[in-house]
Amino acid sequence: MKAYTQNDVLVLAPNTNLIASHIEEIRNFFLAQLKEFPNEKSVTLDVKGVDVVDSLGVNLIIGLYKETNANSKELKIINAGEKFMKIANFFRFPSILTIENE
């Protein structure tokens, strides 16, 4: 996992599949980064290399969306591969989030 800021944007990159065995660690990392960089204007989730998203992964993304929205920030997803997009489309993420393909 990594995080960095660029042009008033906090970029979060899990670098792993969003599955139950990793979710707690990823969630804690994301929340810590949001607290460490509260002044960034938006948040970008870089899902490069994320092929599998289970139900807890979906909940993580929705929770991140709600957290950023509550703080008047935009959440965008970048580097979405084909497998990620199948899940995103199934849960209609593109209707609430900007998602950019790889």
N, C-alpha and C. Protein backbone atom coordinates (compact mmCIF):
# COMPACT_ATOMS: atom_id res chain seq x y z
N MET A 1 0.84 -1.18 0.00
CA MET A 1 0.00 0.00 0.00
C MET A 1 0.89 1.23 0.00
N LYS A 2 0.41 2.22 -0.70
CA LYS A 2 1.12 3.48 -0.66
C LYS A 2 0.14 4.62 -0.83
N ALA A 3 0.60 5.79 -0.42
CA ALA A 3 -0.20 7.01 -0.55
C ALA A 3 0.75 8.16 -0.81
N TYR A 4 0.30 9.10 -1.61
CA TYR A 4 1.08 10.30 -1.87
C TYR A 4 0.14 11.41 -2.29
N THR A 5 0.64 12.64 -2.22
CA THR A 5 -0.16 13.78 -2.64
C THR A 5 0.45 14.36 -3.90
N GLN A 6 -0.44 14.89 -4.75
CA GLN A 6 -0.01 15.48 -6.01
C GLN A 6 -1.05 16.49 -6.44
N ASN A 7 -0.67 17.76 -6.51
CA ASN A 7 -1.59 18.82 -6.95
C ASN A 7 -2.90 18.85 -6.16
N ASP A 8 -2.81 18.86 -4.86
CA ASP A 8 -3.97 18.89 -3.96
C ASP A 8 -4.85 17.65 -4.03
N VAL A 9 -4.27 16.53 -4.48
CA VAL A 9 -4.99 15.26 -4.57
C VAL A 9 -4.25 14.23 -3.73
N LEU A 10 -4.99 13.54 -2.87
CA LEU A 10 -4.44 12.42 -2.12
C LEU A 10 -4.67 11.16 -2.94
N VAL A 11 -3.59 10.48 -3.32
CA VAL A 11 -3.68 9.26 -4.10
C VAL A 11 -3.45 8.07 -3.17
N LEU A 12 -4.41 7.16 -3.16
CA LEU A 12 -4.32 5.94 -2.36
C LEU A 12 -4.20 4.75 -3.30
N ALA A 13 -3.18 3.93 -3.10
CA ALA A 13 -2.96 2.77 -3.96
C ALA A 13 -2.81 1.52 -3.10
N PRO A 14 -3.83 0.67 -3.08
CA PRO A 14 -3.75 -0.52 -2.24
C PRO A 14 -2.72 -1.54 -2.72
N ASN A 15 -2.47 -1.60 -4.05
CA ASN A 15 -1.50 -2.54 -4.64
C ASN A 15 -1.76 -3.99 -4.26
N THR A 16 -3.00 -4.32 -3.99
CA THR A 16 -3.38 -5.69 -3.68
C THR A 16 -4.87 -5.84 -3.95
N ASN A 17 -5.34 -7.06 -4.08
CA ASN A 17 -6.76 -7.28 -4.28
C ASN A 17 -7.53 -6.84 -3.04
N LEU A 18 -8.74 -6.35 -3.27
CA LEU A 18 -9.58 -5.87 -2.17
C LEU A 18 -10.45 -7.02 -1.68
N ILE A 19 -9.84 -7.88 -0.88
CA ILE A 19 -10.51 -9.07 -0.38
C ILE A 19 -10.45 -9.11 1.15
N ALA A 20 -11.29 -9.93 1.72
CA ALA A 20 -11.49 -9.97 3.17
C ALA A 20 -10.18 -10.04 3.97
N SER A 21 -9.23 -10.83 3.51
CA SER A 21 -8.00 -11.01 4.29
C SER A 21 -7.13 -9.74 4.35
N HIS A 22 -7.39 -8.76 3.47
CA HIS A 22 -6.60 -7.54 3.47
C HIS A 22 -7.39 -6.29 3.90
N ILE A 23 -8.70 -6.40 3.99
CA ILE A 23 -9.55 -5.21 4.13
C ILE A 23 -9.26 -4.40 5.38
N GLU A 24 -9.12 -5.02 6.52
CA GLU A 24 -8.92 -4.27 7.76
C GLU A 24 -7.64 -3.44 7.69
N GLU A 25 -6.57 -4.03 7.20
CA GLU A 25 -5.30 -3.33 7.07
C GLU A 25 -5.42 -2.17 6.07
N ILE A 26 -6.08 -2.42 4.94
CA ILE A 26 -6.25 -1.37 3.92
C ILE A 26 -7.11 -0.24 4.47
N ARG A 27 -8.23 -0.58 5.11
CA ARG A 27 -9.13 0.43 5.66
C ARG A 27 -8.39 1.31 6.68
N ASN A 28 -7.65 0.69 7.58
CA ASN A 28 -6.91 1.46 8.59
C ASN A 28 -5.88 2.38 7.94
N PHE A 29 -5.21 1.88 6.91
CA PHE A 29 -4.23 2.69 6.19
C PHE A 29 -4.91 3.88 5.52
N PHE A 30 -6.02 3.63 4.81
CA PHE A 30 -6.74 4.70 4.13
C PHE A 30 -7.22 5.77 5.11
N LEU A 31 -7.80 5.35 6.22
CA LEU A 31 -8.30 6.30 7.22
C LEU A 31 -7.16 7.12 7.81
N ALA A 32 -6.02 6.49 8.05
CA ALA A 32 -4.86 7.21 8.58
C ALA A 32 -4.38 8.26 7.58
N GLN A 33 -4.40 7.92 6.30
CA GLN A 33 -3.96 8.87 5.27
C GLN A 33 -4.93 10.04 5.15
N LEU A 34 -6.22 9.75 5.24
CA LEU A 34 -7.22 10.82 5.18
C LEU A 34 -7.04 11.80 6.35
N LYS A 35 -6.68 11.27 7.51
CA LYS A 35 -6.44 12.14 8.67
C LYS A 35 -5.13 12.91 8.54
N GLU A 36 -4.12 12.27 7.95
CA GLU A 36 -2.81 12.90 7.80
C GLU A 36 -2.82 14.02 6.75
N PHE A 37 -3.69 13.88 5.75
CA PHE A 37 -3.75 14.87 4.67
C PHE A 37 -5.17 15.43 4.53
N PRO A 38 -5.65 16.14 5.57
CA PRO A 38 -7.04 16.61 5.55
C PRO A 38 -7.31 17.76 4.58
N ASN A 39 -6.27 18.44 4.12
CA ASN A 39 -6.47 19.62 3.29
C ASN A 39 -6.46 19.35 1.79
N GLU A 40 -6.26 18.10 1.41
CA GLU A 40 -6.28 17.78 -0.03
C GLU A 40 -7.70 17.94 -0.54
N LYS A 41 -7.85 18.45 -1.76
CA LYS A 41 -9.17 18.77 -2.30
C LYS A 41 -9.94 17.56 -2.80
N SER A 42 -9.23 16.50 -3.19
CA SER A 42 -9.90 15.30 -3.67
C SER A 42 -9.05 14.08 -3.37
N VAL A 43 -9.66 12.91 -3.55
CA VAL A 43 -8.99 11.64 -3.29
C VAL A 43 -9.10 10.78 -4.54
N THR A 44 -7.98 10.17 -4.91
CA THR A 44 -7.95 9.26 -6.05
C THR A 44 -7.54 7.89 -5.55
N LEU A 45 -8.31 6.89 -5.94
CA LEU A 45 -8.01 5.50 -5.60
C LEU A 45 -7.40 4.85 -6.84
N ASP A 46 -6.13 4.51 -6.76
CA ASP A 46 -5.42 3.89 -7.87
C ASP A 46 -5.53 2.37 -7.72
N VAL A 47 -6.33 1.75 -8.60
CA VAL A 47 -6.60 0.32 -8.49
C VAL A 47 -5.78 -0.52 -9.48
N LYS A 48 -4.65 0.01 -9.91
CA LYS A 48 -3.78 -0.74 -10.81
C LYS A 48 -3.39 -2.05 -10.14
N GLY A 49 -3.60 -3.15 -10.82
CA GLY A 49 -3.27 -4.46 -10.28
C GLY A 49 -4.35 -5.08 -9.41
N VAL A 50 -5.45 -4.38 -9.20
CA VAL A 50 -6.55 -4.94 -8.42
C VAL A 50 -7.46 -5.70 -9.38
N ASP A 51 -7.47 -7.02 -9.26
CA ASP A 51 -8.29 -7.86 -10.13
C ASP A 51 -9.50 -8.45 -9.41
N VAL A 52 -9.37 -8.63 -8.11
CA VAL A 52 -10.43 -9.27 -7.34
C VAL A 52 -10.93 -8.30 -6.27
N VAL A 53 -12.26 -8.12 -6.24
CA VAL A 53 -12.90 -7.29 -5.22
C VAL A 53 -14.07 -8.10 -4.68
N ASP A 54 -13.99 -8.50 -3.41
CA ASP A 54 -15.10 -9.25 -2.83
C ASP A 54 -16.08 -8.28 -2.17
N SER A 55 -17.06 -8.81 -1.47
CA SER A 55 -18.10 -7.95 -0.88
C SER A 55 -17.51 -6.95 0.12
N LEU A 56 -16.50 -7.34 0.86
CA LEU A 56 -15.87 -6.40 1.80
C LEU A 56 -15.09 -5.33 1.05
N GLY A 57 -14.53 -5.68 -0.10
CA GLY A 57 -13.85 -4.70 -0.94
C GLY A 57 -14.81 -3.67 -1.48
N VAL A 58 -15.99 -4.13 -1.89
CA VAL A 58 -17.04 -3.22 -2.36
C VAL A 58 -17.43 -2.28 -1.23
N ASN A 59 -17.61 -2.83 -0.04
CA ASN A 59 -17.95 -2.00 1.13
C ASN A 59 -16.85 -0.99 1.44
N LEU A 60 -15.59 -1.38 1.25
CA LEU A 60 -14.47 -0.47 1.47
C LEU A 60 -14.55 0.72 0.51
N ILE A 61 -14.82 0.45 -0.75
CA ILE A 61 -14.93 1.52 -1.75
C ILE A 61 -16.11 2.44 -1.43
N ILE A 62 -17.24 1.85 -1.08
CA ILE A 62 -18.42 2.66 -0.73
C ILE A 62 -18.14 3.49 0.52
N GLY A 63 -17.48 2.90 1.51
CA GLY A 63 -17.12 3.63 2.72
C GLY A 63 -16.17 4.78 2.43
N LEU A 64 -15.20 4.55 1.54
CA LEU A 64 -14.28 5.62 1.15
C LEU A 64 -15.02 6.73 0.42
N TYR A 65 -15.97 6.34 -0.43
CA TYR A 65 -16.80 7.34 -1.12
C TYR A 65 -17.59 8.17 -0.11
N LYS A 66 -18.23 7.52 0.86
CA LYS A 66 -19.02 8.23 1.87
C LYS A 66 -18.14 9.16 2.71
N GLU A 67 -16.96 8.68 3.08
CA GLU A 67 -16.04 9.48 3.90
C GLU A 67 -15.59 10.72 3.14
N THR A 68 -15.22 10.56 1.88
CA THR A 68 -14.77 11.72 1.10
C THR A 68 -15.92 12.67 0.83
N ASN A 69 -17.08 12.12 0.53
CA ASN A 69 -18.26 12.94 0.25
C ASN A 69 -18.66 13.75 1.49
N ALA A 70 -18.58 13.14 2.66
CA ALA A 70 -18.92 13.83 3.91
C ALA A 70 -17.98 15.01 4.17
N ASN A 71 -16.78 14.93 3.61
CA ASN A 71 -15.79 16.00 3.77
C ASN A 71 -15.71 16.89 2.53
N SER A 72 -16.75 16.85 1.71
CA SER A 72 -16.85 17.68 0.50
C SER A 72 -15.68 17.49 -0.45
N LYS A 73 -15.26 16.24 -0.58
CA LYS A 73 -14.17 15.90 -1.51
C LYS A 73 -14.69 14.93 -2.55
N GLU A 74 -14.09 14.98 -3.72
CA GLU A 74 -14.45 14.07 -4.79
C GLU A 74 -13.57 12.83 -4.68
N LEU A 75 -14.15 11.67 -4.98
CA LEU A 75 -13.39 10.42 -5.06
C LEU A 75 -13.39 9.98 -6.51
N LYS A 76 -12.20 9.70 -7.02
CA LYS A 76 -12.06 9.21 -8.39
C LYS A 76 -11.25 7.92 -8.35
N ILE A 77 -11.57 7.00 -9.23
CA ILE A 77 -10.83 5.75 -9.35
C ILE A 77 -10.07 5.77 -10.67
N ILE A 78 -8.78 5.42 -10.61
CA ILE A 78 -7.97 5.39 -11.83
C ILE A 78 -7.34 4.02 -12.01
N ASN A 79 -6.87 3.78 -13.25
CA ASN A 79 -6.17 2.54 -13.62
C ASN A 79 -7.03 1.29 -13.41
N ALA A 80 -8.31 1.41 -13.70
CA ALA A 80 -9.22 0.28 -13.54
C ALA A 80 -9.06 -0.69 -14.72
N GLY A 81 -8.72 -1.90 -14.40
CA GLY A 81 -8.58 -2.94 -15.42
C GLY A 81 -9.93 -3.55 -15.76
N GLU A 82 -9.91 -4.46 -16.71
CA GLU A 82 -11.15 -5.09 -17.19
C GLU A 82 -11.90 -5.82 -16.07
N LYS A 83 -11.18 -6.58 -15.27
CA LYS A 83 -11.82 -7.34 -14.18
C LYS A 83 -12.42 -6.40 -13.15
N PHE A 84 -11.70 -5.34 -12.80
CA PHE A 84 -12.23 -4.36 -11.85
C PHE A 84 -13.48 -3.70 -12.42
N MET A 85 -13.46 -3.36 -13.71
CA MET A 85 -14.60 -2.69 -14.33
C MET A 85 -15.86 -3.56 -14.33
N LYS A 86 -15.69 -4.87 -14.47
CA LYS A 86 -16.86 -5.76 -14.41
C LYS A 86 -17.55 -5.63 -13.06
N ILE A 87 -16.77 -5.59 -12.01
CA ILE A 87 -17.33 -5.45 -10.66
C ILE A 87 -17.92 -4.06 -10.48
N ALA A 88 -17.18 -3.04 -10.93
CA ALA A 88 -17.64 -1.65 -10.79
C ALA A 88 -18.96 -1.45 -11.53
N ASN A 89 -19.07 -1.99 -12.72
CA ASN A 89 -20.31 -1.85 -13.49
C ASN A 89 -21.46 -2.61 -12.84
N PHE A 90 -21.17 -3.78 -12.29
CA PHE A 90 -22.22 -4.56 -11.62
C PHE A 90 -22.82 -3.79 -10.46
N PHE A 91 -21.96 -3.11 -9.70
CA PHE A 91 -22.43 -2.34 -8.54
C PHE A 91 -22.74 -0.88 -8.89
N ARG A 92 -22.70 -0.56 -10.17
CA ARG A 92 -23.04 0.77 -10.69
C ARG A 92 -22.19 1.89 -10.10
N PHE A 93 -20.94 1.60 -9.85
CA PHE A 93 -20.02 2.63 -9.37
C PHE A 93 -19.92 3.81 -10.33
N PRO A 94 -19.91 3.57 -11.66
CA PRO A 94 -19.79 4.73 -12.57
C PRO A 94 -20.92 5.74 -12.45
N SER A 95 -22.03 5.38 -11.84
CA SER A 95 -23.13 6.34 -11.67
C SER A 95 -22.84 7.34 -10.54
N ILE A 96 -21.90 7.01 -9.64
CA ILE A 96 -21.58 7.92 -8.54
C ILE A 96 -20.14 8.38 -8.53
N LEU A 97 -19.28 7.65 -9.25
CA LEU A 97 -17.83 7.94 -9.23
C LEU A 97 -17.30 8.11 -10.64
N THR A 98 -16.23 8.89 -10.77
CA THR A 98 -15.49 8.93 -12.02
C THR A 98 -14.51 7.77 -11.99
N ILE A 99 -14.54 6.94 -13.04
CA ILE A 99 -13.62 5.81 -13.11
C ILE A 99 -12.89 5.88 -14.45
N GLU A 100 -11.57 5.86 -14.39
CA GLU A 100 -10.74 5.88 -15.58
C GLU A 100 -10.09 4.52 -15.77
N ASN A 101 -10.19 3.99 -16.98
CA ASN A 101 -9.59 2.69 -17.30
C ASN A 101 -8.08 2.83 -17.45
N GLU A 102 -7.41 1.68 -17.39
CA GLU A 102 -5.95 1.65 -17.58
C GLU A 102 -5.60 2.18 -18.95
